[in-house]
Amino acid sequence: MSYSAATAAAFLKALAHEGRLMILCHLVNGERSVGELEDLLGLRQAAVSQMLARLRDEGMVHTRRAGKTVFYSLKDRNAERVLVLLHEMFCATEDSEREISPVA
């Protein structure tokens, strides 16, 4: 049980940063390049890369290289489930369209 608690705490720590959380929210809807994430977040490449490195170290994202471009996608199914729940709790309104895909 203590291993599970430690794993859950590490997972929540990775989510406990606004920038990393926003990256994960964008990745729920599909694969994104570093450049796309920069544009979506309005942040510089160095900041985005640092946050992606942390998410990669935590095992939450998967990378795919196509030429010089690196694409990121969600690796952790549990992260996707939590992100959908967080979106429903804090972002979705009755009048707005869903911006995040539900877990199938």
PDB file of N, CA and C in Angstrom:
ATOM      1  N   MET A   1       0.822  -1.195   0.000  1.00  0.00           N
ATOM      2  CA  MET A   1       0.000   0.000   0.000  1.00  0.00           C
ATOM      3  C   MET A   1       0.865   1.258   0.000  1.00  0.00           C
ATOM      4  N   SER A   2       2.000   1.236   0.693  1.00  0.00           N
ATOM      5  CA  SER A   2       2.855   2.425   0.710  1.00  0.00           C
ATOM      6  C   SER A   2       3.446   2.690  -0.667  1.00  0.00           C
ATOM      7  N   TYR A   3       3.716   1.613  -1.453  1.00  0.00           N
ATOM      8  CA  TYR A   3       4.194   1.807  -2.823  1.00  0.00           C
ATOM      9  C   TYR A   3       3.127   2.518  -3.651  1.00  0.00           C
ATOM     10  N   SER A   4       1.886   2.104  -3.500  1.00  0.00           N
ATOM     11  CA  SER A   4       0.787   2.736  -4.234  1.00  0.00           C
ATOM     12  C   SER A   4       0.631   4.195  -3.842  1.00  0.00           C
ATOM     13  N   ALA A   5       0.774   4.484  -2.565  1.00  0.00           N
ATOM     14  CA  ALA A   5       0.665   5.870  -2.100  1.00  0.00           C
ATOM     15  C   ALA A   5       1.804   6.709  -2.660  1.00  0.00           C
ATOM     16  N   ALA A   6       3.007   6.159  -2.683  1.00  0.00           N
ATOM     17  CA  ALA A   6       4.157   6.885  -3.230  1.00  0.00           C
ATOM     18  C   ALA A   6       3.987   7.117  -4.724  1.00  0.00           C
ATOM     19  N   THR A   7       3.478   6.125  -5.427  1.00  0.00           N
ATOM     20  CA  THR A   7       3.239   6.256  -6.864  1.00  0.00           C
ATOM     21  C   THR A   7       2.175   7.313  -7.129  1.00  0.00           C
ATOM     22  N   ALA A   8       1.104   7.287  -6.353  1.00  0.00           N
ATOM     23  CA  ALA A   8       0.038   8.281  -6.509  1.00  0.00           C
ATOM     24  C   ALA A   8       0.549   9.681  -6.196  1.00  0.00           C
ATOM     25  N   ALA A   9       1.368   9.815  -5.169  1.00  0.00           N
ATOM     26  CA  ALA A   9       1.917  11.125  -4.804  1.00  0.00           C
ATOM     27  C   ALA A   9       2.814  11.668  -5.912  1.00  0.00           C
ATOM     28  N   ALA A  10       3.647  10.813  -6.508  1.00  0.00           N
ATOM     29  CA  ALA A  10       4.511  11.243  -7.614  1.00  0.00           C
ATOM     30  C   ALA A  10       3.668  11.670  -8.812  1.00  0.00           C
ATOM     31  N   PHE A  11       2.611  10.934  -9.084  1.00  0.00           N
ATOM     32  CA  PHE A  11       1.693  11.256 -10.177  1.00  0.00           C
ATOM     33  C   PHE A  11       1.057  12.627  -9.949  1.00  0.00           C
ATOM     34  N   LEU A  12       0.578  12.859  -8.735  1.00  0.00           N
ATOM     35  CA  LEU A  12      -0.071  14.133  -8.419  1.00  0.00           C
ATOM     36  C   LEU A  12       0.916  15.292  -8.428  1.00  0.00           C
ATOM     37  N   LYS A  13       2.157  15.050  -8.022  1.00  0.00           N
ATOM     38  CA  LYS A  13       3.179  16.099  -8.080  1.00  0.00           C
ATOM     39  C   LYS A  13       3.424  16.536  -9.517  1.00  0.00           C
ATOM     40  N   ALA A  14       3.433  15.573 -10.432  1.00  0.00           N
ATOM     41  CA  ALA A  14       3.634  15.914 -11.848  1.00  0.00           C
ATOM     42  C   ALA A  14       2.483  16.769 -12.369  1.00  0.00           C
ATOM     43  N   LEU A  15       1.280  16.530 -11.877  1.00  0.00           N
ATOM     44  CA  LEU A  15       0.109  17.305 -12.302  1.00  0.00           C
ATOM     45  C   LEU A  15       0.016  18.655 -11.598  1.00  0.00           C
ATOM     46  N   ALA A  16       0.762  18.832 -10.521  1.00  0.00           N
ATOM     47  CA  ALA A  16       0.614  20.004  -9.658  1.00  0.00           C
ATOM     48  C   ALA A  16       1.368  21.232 -10.156  1.00  0.00           C
ATOM     49  N   HIS A  17       1.592  21.314 -11.436  1.00  0.00           N
ATOM     50  CA  HIS A  17       2.234  22.475 -12.048  1.00  0.00           C
ATOM     51  C   HIS A  17       1.343  22.913 -13.208  1.00  0.00           C
ATOM     52  N   GLU A  18       0.961  24.168 -13.215  1.00  0.00           N
ATOM     53  CA  GLU A  18       0.003  24.650 -14.214  1.00  0.00           C
ATOM     54  C   GLU A  18       0.462  24.372 -15.646  1.00  0.00           C
ATOM     55  N   GLY A  19       1.713  24.610 -15.938  1.00  0.00           N
ATOM     56  CA  GLY A  19       2.223  24.388 -17.293  1.00  0.00           C
ATOM     57  C   GLY A  19       2.183  22.928 -17.695  1.00  0.00           C
ATOM     58  N   ARG A  20       2.631  22.050 -16.802  1.00  0.00           N
ATOM     59  CA  ARG A  20       2.598  20.617 -17.115  1.00  0.00           C
ATOM     60  C   ARG A  20       1.160  20.133 -17.265  1.00  0.00           C
ATOM     61  N   LEU A  21       0.282  20.627 -16.428  1.00  0.00           N
ATOM     62  CA  LEU A  21      -1.125  20.251 -16.518  1.00  0.00           C
ATOM     63  C   LEU A  21      -1.721  20.688 -17.852  1.00  0.00           C
ATOM     64  N   MET A  22      -1.387  21.899 -18.287  1.00  0.00           N
ATOM     65  CA  MET A  22      -1.894  22.383 -19.578  1.00  0.00           C
ATOM     66  C   MET A  22      -1.351  21.547 -20.738  1.00  0.00           C
ATOM     67  N   ILE A  23      -0.089  21.167 -20.666  1.00  0.00           N
ATOM     68  CA  ILE A  23       0.480  20.302 -21.706  1.00  0.00           C
ATOM     69  C   ILE A  23      -0.303  19.001 -21.778  1.00  0.00           C
ATOM     70  N   LEU A  24      -0.525  18.381 -20.645  1.00  0.00           N
ATOM     71  CA  LEU A  24      -1.261  17.116 -20.618  1.00  0.00           C
ATOM     72  C   LEU A  24      -2.681  17.283 -21.142  1.00  0.00           C
ATOM     73  N   CYS A  25      -3.326  18.388 -20.806  1.00  0.00           N
ATOM     74  CA  CYS A  25      -4.681  18.641 -21.311  1.00  0.00           C
ATOM     75  C   CYS A  25      -4.690  18.710 -22.837  1.00  0.00           C
ATOM     76  N   HIS A  26      -3.693  19.357 -23.413  1.00  0.00           N
ATOM     77  CA  HIS A  26      -3.607  19.429 -24.875  1.00  0.00           C
ATOM     78  C   HIS A  26      -3.316  18.061 -25.481  1.00  0.00           C
ATOM     79  N   LEU A  27      -2.561  17.236 -24.790  1.00  0.00           N
ATOM     80  CA  LEU A  27      -2.214  15.923 -25.322  1.00  0.00           C
ATOM     81  C   LEU A  27      -3.363  14.929 -25.247  1.00  0.00           C
ATOM     82  N   VAL A  28      -4.355  15.184 -24.415  1.00  0.00           N
ATOM     83  CA  VAL A  28      -5.521  14.295 -24.357  1.00  0.00           C
ATOM     84  C   VAL A  28      -6.193  14.233 -25.727  1.00  0.00           C
ATOM     85  N   ASN A  29      -6.170  15.342 -26.451  1.00  0.00           N
ATOM     86  CA  ASN A  29      -6.815  15.398 -27.761  1.00  0.00           C
ATOM     87  C   ASN A  29      -5.928  14.886 -28.882  1.00  0.00           C
ATOM     88  N   GLY A  30      -4.733  14.425 -28.570  1.00  0.00           N
ATOM     89  CA  GLY A  30      -3.873  13.841 -29.593  1.00  0.00           C
ATOM     90  C   GLY A  30      -2.449  14.352 -29.525  1.00  0.00           C
ATOM     91  N   GLU A  31      -1.660  13.769 -30.360  1.00  0.00           N
ATOM     92  CA  GLU A  31      -0.231  14.057 -30.436  1.00  0.00           C
ATOM     93  C   GLU A  31       0.026  15.509 -30.829  1.00  0.00           C
ATOM     94  N   ARG A  32       1.050  16.099 -30.222  1.00  0.00           N
ATOM     95  CA  ARG A  32       1.442  17.489 -30.511  1.00  0.00           C
ATOM     96  C   ARG A  32       2.956  17.580 -30.584  1.00  0.00           C
ATOM     97  N   SER A  33       3.438  18.468 -31.444  1.00  0.00           N
ATOM     98  CA  SER A  33       4.875  18.737 -31.499  1.00  0.00           C
ATOM     99  C   SER A  33       5.222  19.771 -30.436  1.00  0.00           C
ATOM    100  N   VAL A  34       6.512  19.896 -30.157  1.00  0.00           N
ATOM    101  CA  VAL A  34       6.960  20.900 -29.194  1.00  0.00           C
ATOM    102  C   VAL A  34       6.540  22.286 -29.671  1.00  0.00           C
ATOM    103  N   GLY A  35       6.705  22.557 -30.968  1.00  0.00           N
ATOM    104  CA  GLY A  35       6.317  23.855 -31.526  1.00  0.00           C
ATOM    105  C   GLY A  35       4.838  24.144 -31.362  1.00  0.00           C
ATOM    106  N   GLU A  36       4.005  23.144 -31.581  1.00  0.00           N
ATOM    107  CA  GLU A  36       2.563  23.327 -31.388  1.00  0.00           C
ATOM    108  C   GLU A  36       2.251  23.649 -29.931  1.00  0.00           C
ATOM    109  N   LEU A  37       2.903  22.944 -29.020  1.00  0.00           N
ATOM    110  CA  LEU A  37       2.676  23.204 -27.595  1.00  0.00           C
ATOM    111  C   LEU A  37       3.150  24.597 -27.203  1.00  0.00           C
ATOM    112  N   GLU A  38       4.266  25.045 -27.777  1.00  0.00           N
ATOM    113  CA  GLU A  38       4.739  26.414 -27.528  1.00  0.00           C
ATOM    114  C   GLU A  38       3.660  27.417 -27.901  1.00  0.00           C
ATOM    115  N   ASP A  39       3.099  27.249 -29.100  1.00  0.00           N
ATOM    116  CA  ASP A  39       2.069  28.174 -29.582  1.00  0.00           C
ATOM    117  C   ASP A  39       0.814  28.120 -28.717  1.00  0.00           C
ATOM    118  N   LEU A  40       0.382  26.918 -28.368  1.00  0.00           N
ATOM    119  CA  LEU A  40      -0.832  26.765 -27.566  1.00  0.00           C
ATOM    120  C   LEU A  40      -0.682  27.360 -26.172  1.00  0.00           C
ATOM    121  N   LEU A  41       0.512  27.235 -25.600  1.00  0.00           N
ATOM    122  CA  LEU A  41       0.745  27.701 -24.234  1.00  0.00           C
ATOM    123  C   LEU A  41       1.278  29.119 -24.167  1.00  0.00           C
ATOM    124  N   GLY A  42       1.794  29.620 -25.291  1.00  0.00           N
ATOM    125  CA  GLY A  42       2.389  30.951 -25.291  1.00  0.00           C
ATOM    126  C   GLY A  42       3.680  31.015 -24.493  1.00  0.00           C
ATOM    127  N   LEU A  43       4.414  29.911 -24.487  1.00  0.00           N
ATOM    128  CA  LEU A  43       5.667  29.827 -23.738  1.00  0.00           C
ATOM    129  C   LEU A  43       6.832  29.591 -24.683  1.00  0.00           C
ATOM    130  N   ARG A  44       8.024  29.862 -24.198  1.00  0.00           N
ATOM    131  CA  ARG A  44       9.227  29.642 -24.991  1.00  0.00           C
ATOM    132  C   ARG A  44       9.576  28.160 -25.026  1.00  0.00           C
ATOM    133  N   GLN A  45      10.325  27.799 -26.059  1.00  0.00           N
ATOM    134  CA  GLN A  45      10.700  26.408 -26.282  1.00  0.00           C
ATOM    135  C   GLN A  45      11.425  25.804 -25.085  1.00  0.00           C
ATOM    136  N   ALA A  46      12.310  26.555 -24.467  1.00  0.00           N
ATOM    137  CA  ALA A  46      13.070  26.030 -23.328  1.00  0.00           C
ATOM    138  C   ALA A  46      12.153  25.643 -22.169  1.00  0.00           C
ATOM    139  N   ALA A  47      11.167  26.466 -21.890  1.00  0.00           N
ATOM    140  CA  ALA A  47      10.235  26.181 -20.791  1.00  0.00           C
ATOM    141  C   ALA A  47       9.390  24.952 -21.103  1.00  0.00           C
ATOM    142  N   VAL A  48       8.883  24.881 -22.336  1.00  0.00           N
ATOM    143  CA  VAL A  48       8.053  23.741 -22.738  1.00  0.00           C
ATOM    144  C   VAL A  48       8.876  22.456 -22.690  1.00  0.00           C
ATOM    145  N   SER A  49      10.099  22.506 -23.197  1.00  0.00           N
ATOM    146  CA  SER A  49      10.959  21.321 -23.203  1.00  0.00           C
ATOM    147  C   SER A  49      11.271  20.846 -21.792  1.00  0.00           C
ATOM    148  N   GLN A  50      11.478  21.772 -20.877  1.00  0.00           N
ATOM    149  CA  GLN A  50      11.758  21.405 -19.488  1.00  0.00           C
ATOM    150  C   GLN A  50      10.554  20.691 -18.862  1.00  0.00           C
ATOM    151  N   MET A  51       9.364  21.206 -19.124  1.00  0.00           N
ATOM    152  CA  MET A  51       8.161  20.575 -18.579  1.00  0.00           C
ATOM    153  C   MET A  51       7.929  19.206 -19.213  1.00  0.00           C
ATOM    154  N   LEU A  52       8.178  19.098 -20.521  1.00  0.00           N
ATOM    155  CA  LEU A  52       8.022  17.815 -21.198  1.00  0.00           C
ATOM    156  C   LEU A  52       9.023  16.789 -20.677  1.00  0.00           C
ATOM    157  N   ALA A  53      10.228  17.234 -20.365  1.00  0.00           N
ATOM    158  CA  ALA A  53      11.235  16.324 -19.812  1.00  0.00           C
ATOM    159  C   ALA A  53      10.763  15.750 -18.481  1.00  0.00           C
ATOM    160  N   ARG A  54      10.171  16.576 -17.648  1.00  0.00           N
ATOM    161  CA  ARG A  54       9.650  16.100 -16.358  1.00  0.00           C
ATOM    162  C   ARG A  54       8.527  15.086 -16.576  1.00  0.00           C
ATOM    163  N   LEU A  55       7.633  15.383 -17.510  1.00  0.00           N
ATOM    164  CA  LEU A  55       6.530  14.463 -17.793  1.00  0.00           C
ATOM    165  C   LEU A  55       7.047  13.152 -18.384  1.00  0.00           C
ATOM    166  N   ARG A  56       8.080  13.236 -19.204  1.00  0.00           N
ATOM    167  CA  ARG A  56       8.698  12.037 -19.774  1.00  0.00           C
ATOM    168  C   ARG A  56       9.357  11.213 -18.664  1.00  0.00           C
ATOM    169  N   ASP A  57      10.071  11.880 -17.754  1.00  0.00           N
ATOM    170  CA  ASP A  57      10.717  11.190 -16.631  1.00  0.00           C
ATOM    171  C   ASP A  57       9.697  10.489 -15.738  1.00  0.00           C
ATOM    172  N   GLU A  58       8.516  11.075 -15.622  1.00  0.00           N
ATOM    173  CA  GLU A  58       7.444  10.483 -14.806  1.00  0.00           C
ATOM    174  C   GLU A  58       6.691   9.382 -15.554  1.00  0.00           C
ATOM    175  N   GLY A  59       7.030   9.159 -16.829  1.00  0.00           N
ATOM    176  CA  GLY A  59       6.376   8.116 -17.614  1.00  0.00           C
ATOM    177  C   GLY A  59       4.983   8.482 -18.085  1.00  0.00           C
ATOM    178  N   MET A  60       4.698   9.773 -18.167  1.00  0.00           N
ATOM    179  CA  MET A  60       3.351  10.214 -18.531  1.00  0.00           C
ATOM    180  C   MET A  60       3.192  10.501 -20.018  1.00  0.00           C
ATOM    181  N   VAL A  61       4.307  10.738 -20.718  1.00  0.00           N
ATOM    182  CA  VAL A  61       4.231  11.040 -22.146  1.00  0.00           C
ATOM    183  C   VAL A  61       5.170  10.133 -22.929  1.00  0.00           C
ATOM    184  N   HIS A  62       4.813   9.952 -24.182  1.00  0.00           N
ATOM    185  CA  HIS A  62       5.579   9.145 -25.130  1.00  0.00           C
ATOM    186  C   HIS A  62       6.088  10.085 -26.213  1.00  0.00           C
ATOM    187  N   THR A  63       7.279   9.833 -26.725  1.00  0.00           N
ATOM    188  CA  THR A  63       7.820  10.667 -27.800  1.00  0.00           C
ATOM    189  C   THR A  63       7.923   9.874 -29.090  1.00  0.00           C
ATOM    190  N   ARG A  64       7.800  10.615 -30.194  1.00  0.00           N
ATOM    191  CA  ARG A  64       7.989  10.051 -31.527  1.00  0.00           C
ATOM    192  C   ARG A  64       8.712  11.104 -32.341  1.00  0.00           C
ATOM    193  N   ARG A  65       9.786  10.698 -32.992  1.00  0.00           N
ATOM    194  CA  ARG A  65      10.562  11.636 -33.798  1.00  0.00           C
ATOM    195  C   ARG A  65      10.224  11.427 -35.269  1.00  0.00           C
ATOM    196  N   ALA A  66       9.992  12.543 -35.967  1.00  0.00           N
ATOM    197  CA  ALA A  66       9.784  12.535 -37.415  1.00  0.00           C
ATOM    198  C   ALA A  66      10.722  13.595 -37.986  1.00  0.00           C
ATOM    199  N   GLY A  67      11.869  13.159 -38.477  1.00  0.00           N
ATOM    200  CA  GLY A  67      12.878  14.116 -38.927  1.00  0.00           C
ATOM    201  C   GLY A  67      13.430  14.864 -37.732  1.00  0.00           C
ATOM    202  N   LYS A  68      13.366  16.184 -37.791  1.00  0.00           N
ATOM    203  CA  LYS A  68      13.850  17.007 -36.680  1.00  0.00           C
ATOM    204  C   LYS A  68      12.761  17.326 -35.664  1.00  0.00           C
ATOM    205  N   THR A  69      11.542  16.939 -35.958  1.00  0.00           N
ATOM    206  CA  THR A  69      10.411  17.270 -35.091  1.00  0.00           C
ATOM    207  C   THR A  69      10.139  16.138 -34.110  1.00  0.00           C
ATOM    208  N   VAL A  70       9.950  16.506 -32.854  1.00  0.00           N
ATOM    209  CA  VAL A  70       9.593  15.532 -31.821  1.00  0.00           C
ATOM    210  C   VAL A  70       8.129  15.745 -31.464  1.00  0.00           C
ATOM    211  N   PHE A  71       7.374  14.667 -31.520  1.00  0.00           N
ATOM    212  CA  PHE A  71       5.959  14.700 -31.177  1.00  0.00           C
ATOM    213  C   PHE A  71       5.759  14.011 -29.833  1.00  0.00           C
ATOM    214  N   TYR A  72       4.830  14.549 -29.060  1.00  0.00           N
ATOM    215  CA  TYR A  72       4.512  14.001 -27.747  1.00  0.00           C
ATOM    216  C   TYR A  72       3.061  13.547 -27.724  1.00  0.00           C
ATOM    217  N   SER A  73       2.821  12.466 -27.000  1.00  0.00           N
ATOM    218  CA  SER A  73       1.461  11.976 -26.789  1.00  0.00           C
ATOM    219  C   SER A  73       1.372  11.407 -25.377  1.00  0.00           C
ATOM    220  N   LEU A  74       0.152  11.249 -24.902  1.00  0.00           N
ATOM    221  CA  LEU A  74      -0.047  10.666 -23.572  1.00  0.00           C
ATOM    222  C   LEU A  74       0.332   9.196 -23.597  1.00  0.00           C
ATOM    223  N   LYS A  75       1.048   8.788 -22.601  1.00  0.00           N
ATOM    224  CA  LYS A  75       1.461   7.392 -22.470  1.00  0.00           C
ATOM    225  C   LYS A  75       0.648   6.691 -21.389  1.00  0.00           C
ATOM    226  N   ASP A  76       0.256   7.430 -20.397  1.00  0.00           N
ATOM    227  CA  ASP A  76      -0.381   6.888 -19.201  1.00  0.00           C
ATOM    228  C   ASP A  76      -1.904   6.990 -19.308  1.00  0.00           C
ATOM    229  N   ARG A  77      -2.563   5.868 -19.393  1.00  0.00           N
ATOM    230  CA  ARG A  77      -4.033   5.827 -19.489  1.00  0.00           C
ATOM    231  C   ARG A  77      -4.677   6.433 -18.237  1.00  0.00           C
ATOM    232  N   ASN A  78      -4.050   6.236 -17.087  1.00  0.00           N
ATOM    233  CA  ASN A  78      -4.591   6.825 -15.859  1.00  0.00           C
ATOM    234  C   ASN A  78      -4.539   8.346 -15.911  1.00  0.00           C
ATOM    235  N   ALA A  79      -3.479   8.889 -16.501  1.00  0.00           N
ATOM    236  CA  ALA A  79      -3.387  10.345 -16.642  1.00  0.00           C
ATOM    237  C   ALA A  79      -4.545  10.855 -17.489  1.00  0.00           C
ATOM    238  N   GLU A  80      -4.853  10.159 -18.565  1.00  0.00           N
ATOM    239  CA  GLU A  80      -5.968  10.568 -19.420  1.00  0.00           C
ATOM    240  C   GLU A  80      -7.280  10.559 -18.642  1.00  0.00           C
ATOM    241  N   ARG A  81      -7.501   9.539 -17.855  1.00  0.00           N
ATOM    242  CA  ARG A  81      -8.732   9.446 -17.069  1.00  0.00           C
ATOM    243  C   ARG A  81      -8.841  10.597 -16.079  1.00  0.00           C
ATOM    244  N   VAL A  82      -7.739  10.912 -15.396  1.00  0.00           N
ATOM    245  CA  VAL A  82      -7.733  12.005 -14.420  1.00  0.00           C
ATOM    246  C   VAL A  82      -7.945  13.342 -15.121  1.00  0.00           C
ATOM    247  N   LEU A  83      -7.320  13.538 -16.273  1.00  0.00           N
ATOM    248  CA  LEU A  83      -7.453  14.804 -16.998  1.00  0.00           C
ATOM    249  C   LEU A  83      -8.881  15.037 -17.475  1.00  0.00           C
ATOM    250  N   VAL A  84      -9.525  13.990 -17.943  1.00  0.00           N
ATOM    251  CA  VAL A  84     -10.924  14.121 -18.359  1.00  0.00           C
ATOM    252  C   VAL A  84     -11.786  14.508 -17.155  1.00  0.00           C
ATOM    253  N   LEU A  85     -11.547  13.884 -16.022  1.00  0.00           N
ATOM    254  CA  LEU A  85     -12.296  14.215 -14.806  1.00  0.00           C
ATOM    255  C   LEU A  85     -12.037  15.655 -14.376  1.00  0.00           C
ATOM    256  N   LEU A  86     -10.770  16.087 -14.377  1.00  0.00           N
ATOM    257  CA  LEU A  86     -10.447  17.470 -14.013  1.00  0.00           C
ATOM    258  C   LEU A  86     -11.117  18.456 -14.958  1.00  0.00           C
ATOM    259  N   HIS A  87     -11.138  18.121 -16.237  1.00  0.00           N
ATOM    260  CA  HIS A  87     -11.791  19.001 -17.204  1.00  0.00           C
ATOM    261  C   HIS A  87     -13.277  19.123 -16.899  1.00  0.00           C
ATOM    262  N   GLU A  88     -13.906  17.999 -16.616  1.00  0.00           N
ATOM    263  CA  GLU A  88     -15.335  18.024 -16.290  1.00  0.00           C
ATOM    264  C   GLU A  88     -15.599  18.827 -15.022  1.00  0.00           C
ATOM    265  N   MET A  89     -14.704  18.738 -14.055  1.00  0.00           N
ATOM    266  CA  MET A  89     -14.903  19.429 -12.783  1.00  0.00           C
ATOM    267  C   MET A  89     -14.636  20.927 -12.874  1.00  0.00           C
ATOM    268  N   PHE A  90     -13.608  21.336 -13.622  1.00  0.00           N
ATOM    269  CA  PHE A  90     -13.154  22.718 -13.562  1.00  0.00           C
ATOM    270  C   PHE A  90     -13.299  23.515 -14.854  1.00  0.00           C
ATOM    271  N   CYS A  91     -13.435  22.844 -15.987  1.00  0.00           N
ATOM    272  CA  CYS A  91     -13.403  23.567 -17.262  1.00  0.00           C
ATOM    273  C   CYS A  91     -14.718  23.536 -18.023  1.00  0.00           C
ATOM    274  N   ALA A  92     -15.404  22.431 -17.984  1.00  0.00           N
ATOM    275  CA  ALA A  92     -16.615  22.277 -18.780  1.00  0.00           C
ATOM    276  C   ALA A  92     -17.779  23.031 -18.144  1.00  0.00           C
ATOM    277  N   THR A  93     -18.553  23.659 -18.988  1.00  0.00           N
ATOM    278  CA  THR A  93     -19.799  24.274 -18.544  1.00  0.00           C
ATOM    279  C   THR A  93     -20.917  23.686 -19.384  1.00  0.00           C
ATOM    280  N   GLU A  94     -22.114  23.850 -18.944  1.00  0.00           N
ATOM    281  CA  GLU A  94     -23.245  23.294 -19.684  1.00  0.00           C
ATOM    282  C   GLU A  94     -23.352  23.885 -21.081  1.00  0.00           C
ATOM    283  N   ASP A  95     -22.971  25.151 -21.241  1.00  0.00           N
ATOM    284  CA  ASP A  95     -23.119  25.823 -22.522  1.00  0.00           C
ATOM    285  C   ASP A  95     -21.914  25.673 -23.441  1.00  0.00           C
ATOM    286  N   SER A  96     -20.784  25.226 -22.917  1.00  0.00           N
ATOM    287  CA  SER A  96     -19.583  25.139 -23.749  1.00  0.00           C
ATOM    288  C   SER A  96     -19.444  23.748 -24.342  1.00  0.00           C
ATOM    289  N   GLU A  97     -18.785  23.701 -25.487  1.00  0.00           N
ATOM    290  CA  GLU A  97     -18.491  22.413 -26.088  1.00  0.00           C
ATOM    291  C   GLU A  97     -17.301  21.814 -25.364  1.00  0.00           C
ATOM    292  N   ARG A  98     -17.248  20.517 -25.342  1.00  0.00           N
ATOM    293  CA  ARG A  98     -16.119  19.842 -24.705  1.00  0.00           C
ATOM    294  C   ARG A  98     -14.880  20.036 -25.558  1.00  0.00           C
ATOM    295  N   GLU A  99     -13.792  20.427 -24.933  1.00  0.00           N
ATOM    296  CA  GLU A  99     -12.529  20.591 -25.632  1.00  0.00           C
ATOM    297  C   GLU A  99     -11.621  19.391 -25.405  1.00  0.00           C
ATOM    298  N   ILE A 100     -12.055  18.487 -24.592  1.00  0.00           N
ATOM    299  CA  ILE A 100     -11.225  17.345 -24.242  1.00  0.00           C
ATOM    300  C   ILE A 100     -12.047  16.089 -24.488  1.00  0.00           C
ATOM    301  N   SER A 101     -11.433  15.096 -25.061  1.00  0.00           N
ATOM    302  CA  SER A 101     -12.150  13.887 -25.436  1.00  0.00           C
ATOM    303  C   SER A 101     -12.363  12.986 -24.233  1.00  0.00           C
ATOM    304  N   PRO A 102     -13.526  12.380 -24.145  1.00  0.00           N
ATOM    305  CA  PRO A 102     -13.749  11.436 -23.056  1.00  0.00           C
ATOM    306  C   PRO A 102     -12.948  10.164 -23.282  1.00  0.00           C
ATOM    307  N   VAL A 103     -12.643   9.480 -22.210  1.00  0.00           N
ATOM    308  CA  VAL A 103     -11.939   8.210 -22.293  1.00  0.00           C
ATOM    309  C   VAL A 103     -12.911   7.178 -22.813  1.00  0.00           C
ATOM    310  N   ALA A 104     -12.480   6.438 -23.808  1.00  0.00           N
ATOM    311  CA  ALA A 104     -13.353   5.415 -24.399  1.00  0.00           C
ATOM    312  C   ALA A 104     -13.299   4.130 -23.614  1.00  0.00           C
TER     313      ALA A 104
END
